[in-house]
N, C-alpha and C. Protein backbone atom coordinates (compact mmCIF):
# COMPACT_ATOMS: atom_id res chain seq x y z
N MET A 1 20.52 -36.62 -39.59
CA MET A 1 20.43 -36.37 -38.17
C MET A 1 18.98 -36.13 -37.75
N GLY A 2 18.21 -35.43 -38.59
CA GLY A 2 16.81 -35.14 -38.28
C GLY A 2 15.96 -36.40 -38.25
N ILE A 3 16.30 -37.38 -39.10
CA ILE A 3 15.54 -38.63 -39.13
C ILE A 3 15.76 -39.41 -37.84
N ILE A 4 16.96 -39.41 -37.33
CA ILE A 4 17.27 -40.13 -36.09
C ILE A 4 16.52 -39.51 -34.91
N ILE A 5 16.48 -38.19 -34.85
CA ILE A 5 15.76 -37.51 -33.76
C ILE A 5 14.26 -37.79 -33.87
N SER A 6 13.73 -37.77 -35.10
CA SER A 6 12.31 -38.08 -35.29
C SER A 6 12.00 -39.51 -34.87
N PHE A 7 12.87 -40.44 -35.24
CA PHE A 7 12.68 -41.84 -34.87
C PHE A 7 12.71 -42.01 -33.35
N LEU A 8 13.64 -41.36 -32.68
CA LEU A 8 13.73 -41.44 -31.22
C LEU A 8 12.50 -40.84 -30.55
N LEU A 9 11.98 -39.75 -31.11
CA LEU A 9 10.76 -39.15 -30.55
C LEU A 9 9.56 -40.08 -30.72
N VAL A 10 9.46 -40.73 -31.87
CA VAL A 10 8.35 -41.67 -32.10
C VAL A 10 8.45 -42.85 -31.14
N VAL A 11 9.65 -43.37 -30.95
CA VAL A 11 9.85 -44.49 -30.02
C VAL A 11 9.49 -44.06 -28.60
N LEU A 12 9.88 -42.86 -28.22
CA LEU A 12 9.58 -42.35 -26.89
C LEU A 12 8.08 -42.18 -26.68
N VAL A 13 7.39 -41.64 -27.67
CA VAL A 13 5.94 -41.47 -27.58
C VAL A 13 5.25 -42.83 -27.50
N LEU A 14 5.68 -43.79 -28.32
CA LEU A 14 5.09 -45.13 -28.26
C LEU A 14 5.33 -45.79 -26.91
N PHE A 15 6.50 -45.57 -26.34
CA PHE A 15 6.80 -46.12 -25.02
C PHE A 15 5.83 -45.59 -23.98
N PHE A 16 5.58 -44.28 -23.99
CA PHE A 16 4.66 -43.71 -23.01
C PHE A 16 3.22 -44.14 -23.25
N ILE A 17 2.83 -44.33 -24.49
CA ILE A 17 1.48 -44.80 -24.79
C ILE A 17 1.29 -46.23 -24.27
N VAL A 18 2.25 -47.10 -24.55
CA VAL A 18 2.17 -48.49 -24.08
C VAL A 18 2.19 -48.54 -22.56
N ARG A 19 3.00 -47.71 -21.96
CA ARG A 19 3.09 -47.68 -20.49
C ARG A 19 1.76 -47.24 -19.87
N SER A 20 1.12 -46.23 -20.46
CA SER A 20 -0.15 -45.76 -19.91
C SER A 20 -1.24 -46.81 -20.09
N PHE A 21 -1.25 -47.53 -21.21
CA PHE A 21 -2.23 -48.58 -21.40
C PHE A 21 -2.01 -49.74 -20.44
N SER A 22 -0.78 -50.06 -20.15
CA SER A 22 -0.53 -51.16 -19.22
C SER A 22 -1.02 -50.81 -17.82
N ARG A 23 -0.89 -49.56 -17.43
CA ARG A 23 -1.41 -49.15 -16.13
C ARG A 23 -2.93 -49.19 -16.11
N SER A 24 -3.58 -48.75 -17.19
CA SER A 24 -5.04 -48.76 -17.21
C SER A 24 -5.56 -50.19 -17.26
N PHE A 25 -4.88 -51.09 -17.97
CA PHE A 25 -5.30 -52.48 -17.98
C PHE A 25 -5.16 -53.10 -16.60
N ARG A 26 -4.13 -52.73 -15.87
CA ARG A 26 -3.95 -53.23 -14.51
C ARG A 26 -5.10 -52.74 -13.63
N PHE A 27 -5.50 -51.48 -13.80
CA PHE A 27 -6.61 -50.92 -13.02
C PHE A 27 -7.91 -51.64 -13.37
N ILE A 28 -8.14 -51.87 -14.65
CA ILE A 28 -9.35 -52.57 -15.08
C ILE A 28 -9.36 -53.99 -14.54
N LYS A 29 -8.21 -54.64 -14.52
CA LYS A 29 -8.12 -56.00 -14.00
C LYS A 29 -8.46 -56.03 -12.51
N VAL A 30 -7.99 -55.06 -11.76
CA VAL A 30 -8.29 -54.99 -10.33
C VAL A 30 -9.77 -54.74 -10.10
N VAL A 31 -10.38 -53.87 -10.88
CA VAL A 31 -11.81 -53.56 -10.73
C VAL A 31 -12.65 -54.79 -11.06
N VAL A 32 -12.33 -55.48 -12.14
CA VAL A 32 -13.09 -56.67 -12.53
C VAL A 32 -12.94 -57.76 -11.47
N LEU A 33 -11.74 -57.94 -10.95
CA LEU A 33 -11.52 -58.94 -9.91
C LEU A 33 -12.31 -58.60 -8.65
N ASN A 34 -12.36 -57.32 -8.28
CA ASN A 34 -13.12 -56.88 -7.12
C ASN A 34 -14.61 -57.15 -7.33
N CYS A 35 -15.12 -56.89 -8.53
CA CYS A 35 -16.53 -57.14 -8.82
C CYS A 35 -16.84 -58.63 -8.73
N MET A 36 -15.98 -59.46 -9.29
CA MET A 36 -16.23 -60.90 -9.25
C MET A 36 -16.19 -61.43 -7.82
N LEU A 37 -15.24 -60.96 -7.02
CA LEU A 37 -15.18 -61.40 -5.63
C LEU A 37 -16.42 -60.97 -4.86
N GLY A 38 -16.89 -59.76 -5.10
CA GLY A 38 -18.09 -59.29 -4.42
C GLY A 38 -19.32 -60.11 -4.78
N LEU A 39 -19.47 -60.43 -6.07
CA LEU A 39 -20.63 -61.21 -6.48
C LEU A 39 -20.56 -62.65 -5.98
N VAL A 40 -19.36 -63.23 -5.99
CA VAL A 40 -19.21 -64.59 -5.45
C VAL A 40 -19.52 -64.60 -3.96
N LEU A 41 -19.07 -63.59 -3.24
CA LEU A 41 -19.35 -63.52 -1.81
C LEU A 41 -20.84 -63.32 -1.55
N LEU A 42 -21.50 -62.52 -2.37
CA LEU A 42 -22.94 -62.31 -2.22
C LEU A 42 -23.69 -63.62 -2.40
N ILE A 43 -23.35 -64.38 -3.41
CA ILE A 43 -24.00 -65.66 -3.64
C ILE A 43 -23.65 -66.65 -2.52
N SER A 44 -22.41 -66.62 -2.05
CA SER A 44 -22.00 -67.51 -0.96
C SER A 44 -22.74 -67.19 0.33
N VAL A 45 -22.90 -65.91 0.62
CA VAL A 45 -23.64 -65.51 1.83
C VAL A 45 -25.08 -66.00 1.73
N ASN A 46 -25.69 -65.90 0.57
CA ASN A 46 -27.06 -66.38 0.42
C ASN A 46 -27.13 -67.90 0.55
N PHE A 47 -26.17 -68.59 -0.03
CA PHE A 47 -26.18 -70.06 0.03
C PHE A 47 -25.96 -70.56 1.45
N ILE A 48 -24.96 -70.02 2.13
CA ILE A 48 -24.66 -70.45 3.50
C ILE A 48 -25.69 -69.89 4.48
N GLY A 49 -26.16 -68.69 4.23
CA GLY A 49 -27.10 -68.05 5.13
C GLY A 49 -28.46 -68.72 5.18
N THR A 50 -28.83 -69.47 4.14
CA THR A 50 -30.12 -70.16 4.17
C THR A 50 -30.18 -71.19 5.28
N TYR A 51 -29.05 -71.77 5.66
CA TYR A 51 -29.01 -72.74 6.75
C TYR A 51 -29.22 -72.08 8.11
N TYR A 52 -28.92 -70.79 8.19
CA TYR A 52 -29.05 -70.06 9.46
C TYR A 52 -30.20 -69.06 9.45
N GLY A 53 -30.98 -69.05 8.39
CA GLY A 53 -32.11 -68.14 8.30
C GLY A 53 -31.73 -66.71 7.95
N PHE A 54 -30.58 -66.52 7.34
CA PHE A 54 -30.12 -65.18 6.95
C PHE A 54 -29.86 -65.17 5.46
N THR A 55 -30.62 -64.36 4.74
CA THR A 55 -30.40 -64.24 3.30
C THR A 55 -30.40 -62.78 2.91
N LEU A 56 -29.68 -62.48 1.88
CA LEU A 56 -29.71 -61.16 1.27
C LEU A 56 -30.46 -61.28 -0.05
N GLY A 57 -31.40 -60.40 -0.27
CA GLY A 57 -32.13 -60.45 -1.52
C GLY A 57 -31.22 -60.07 -2.68
N ILE A 58 -31.21 -60.90 -3.70
CA ILE A 58 -30.40 -60.59 -4.88
C ILE A 58 -31.29 -59.83 -5.85
N ASN A 59 -31.06 -58.53 -5.92
CA ASN A 59 -31.77 -57.67 -6.85
C ASN A 59 -30.76 -56.71 -7.47
N VAL A 60 -31.24 -55.77 -8.22
CA VAL A 60 -30.34 -54.86 -8.95
C VAL A 60 -29.47 -54.05 -7.98
N ILE A 61 -30.05 -53.55 -6.91
CA ILE A 61 -29.31 -52.70 -5.98
C ILE A 61 -28.22 -53.48 -5.26
N THR A 62 -28.54 -54.67 -4.76
CA THR A 62 -27.53 -55.45 -4.03
C THR A 62 -26.41 -55.92 -4.96
N VAL A 63 -26.76 -56.26 -6.19
CA VAL A 63 -25.73 -56.67 -7.15
C VAL A 63 -24.82 -55.50 -7.50
N ILE A 64 -25.38 -54.31 -7.65
CA ILE A 64 -24.56 -53.13 -7.95
C ILE A 64 -23.63 -52.81 -6.78
N ILE A 65 -24.16 -52.87 -5.56
CA ILE A 65 -23.33 -52.59 -4.38
C ILE A 65 -22.24 -53.65 -4.24
N ALA A 66 -22.59 -54.91 -4.40
CA ALA A 66 -21.59 -55.98 -4.28
C ALA A 66 -20.59 -55.91 -5.43
N GLY A 67 -21.04 -55.52 -6.60
CA GLY A 67 -20.15 -55.45 -7.75
C GLY A 67 -19.17 -54.30 -7.68
N PHE A 68 -19.66 -53.12 -7.33
CA PHE A 68 -18.78 -51.95 -7.28
C PHE A 68 -17.90 -51.93 -6.04
N CYS A 69 -18.46 -52.32 -4.91
CA CYS A 69 -17.70 -52.22 -3.66
C CYS A 69 -16.97 -53.50 -3.30
N GLY A 70 -17.36 -54.62 -3.88
CA GLY A 70 -16.68 -55.88 -3.60
C GLY A 70 -17.01 -56.41 -2.22
N ILE A 71 -16.00 -56.91 -1.55
CA ILE A 71 -16.17 -57.52 -0.23
C ILE A 71 -16.70 -56.53 0.81
N PRO A 72 -16.18 -55.29 0.88
CA PRO A 72 -16.76 -54.34 1.84
C PRO A 72 -18.23 -54.04 1.55
N GLY A 73 -18.63 -54.08 0.30
CA GLY A 73 -20.03 -53.85 -0.04
C GLY A 73 -20.93 -54.95 0.48
N VAL A 74 -20.48 -56.19 0.38
CA VAL A 74 -21.28 -57.31 0.89
C VAL A 74 -21.34 -57.26 2.41
N ILE A 75 -20.24 -56.91 3.05
CA ILE A 75 -20.25 -56.76 4.51
C ILE A 75 -21.21 -55.65 4.92
N PHE A 76 -21.22 -54.55 4.17
CA PHE A 76 -22.16 -53.46 4.43
C PHE A 76 -23.60 -53.96 4.30
N LEU A 77 -23.88 -54.73 3.26
CA LEU A 77 -25.24 -55.25 3.08
C LEU A 77 -25.64 -56.17 4.22
N MET A 78 -24.71 -56.98 4.70
CA MET A 78 -25.02 -57.87 5.82
C MET A 78 -25.30 -57.08 7.10
N VAL A 79 -24.48 -56.08 7.39
CA VAL A 79 -24.69 -55.25 8.58
C VAL A 79 -25.98 -54.47 8.45
N PHE A 80 -26.25 -53.95 7.27
CA PHE A 80 -27.48 -53.20 7.02
C PHE A 80 -28.70 -54.09 7.25
N LYS A 81 -28.63 -55.32 6.79
CA LYS A 81 -29.75 -56.26 6.96
C LYS A 81 -29.93 -56.63 8.44
N LEU A 82 -28.82 -56.78 9.17
CA LEU A 82 -28.92 -57.15 10.58
C LEU A 82 -29.55 -56.05 11.43
N PHE A 83 -29.24 -54.80 11.13
CA PHE A 83 -29.73 -53.70 11.95
C PHE A 83 -31.01 -53.08 11.43
N LEU A 84 -31.53 -53.54 10.34
CA LEU A 84 -32.77 -52.97 9.83
C LEU A 84 -33.91 -53.92 9.96
């Protein structure tokens, strides 16, 4: 009887470990996707903006803002550039 209870406890612990990792992988996937979208949008704004005389400088700060904040970060950089 003790072996069955131990086995069930191990299965239960493994279930919760796998479940927590799946949630963290989902979070990491969302963060990486947000970073990629932000960087693609930053490059797109520079490419399209050259035809209209509007470019954002690609440097460490703008890449970090676009990477961490994604699309809202690039919009912030555009508004910041327009009003400064």
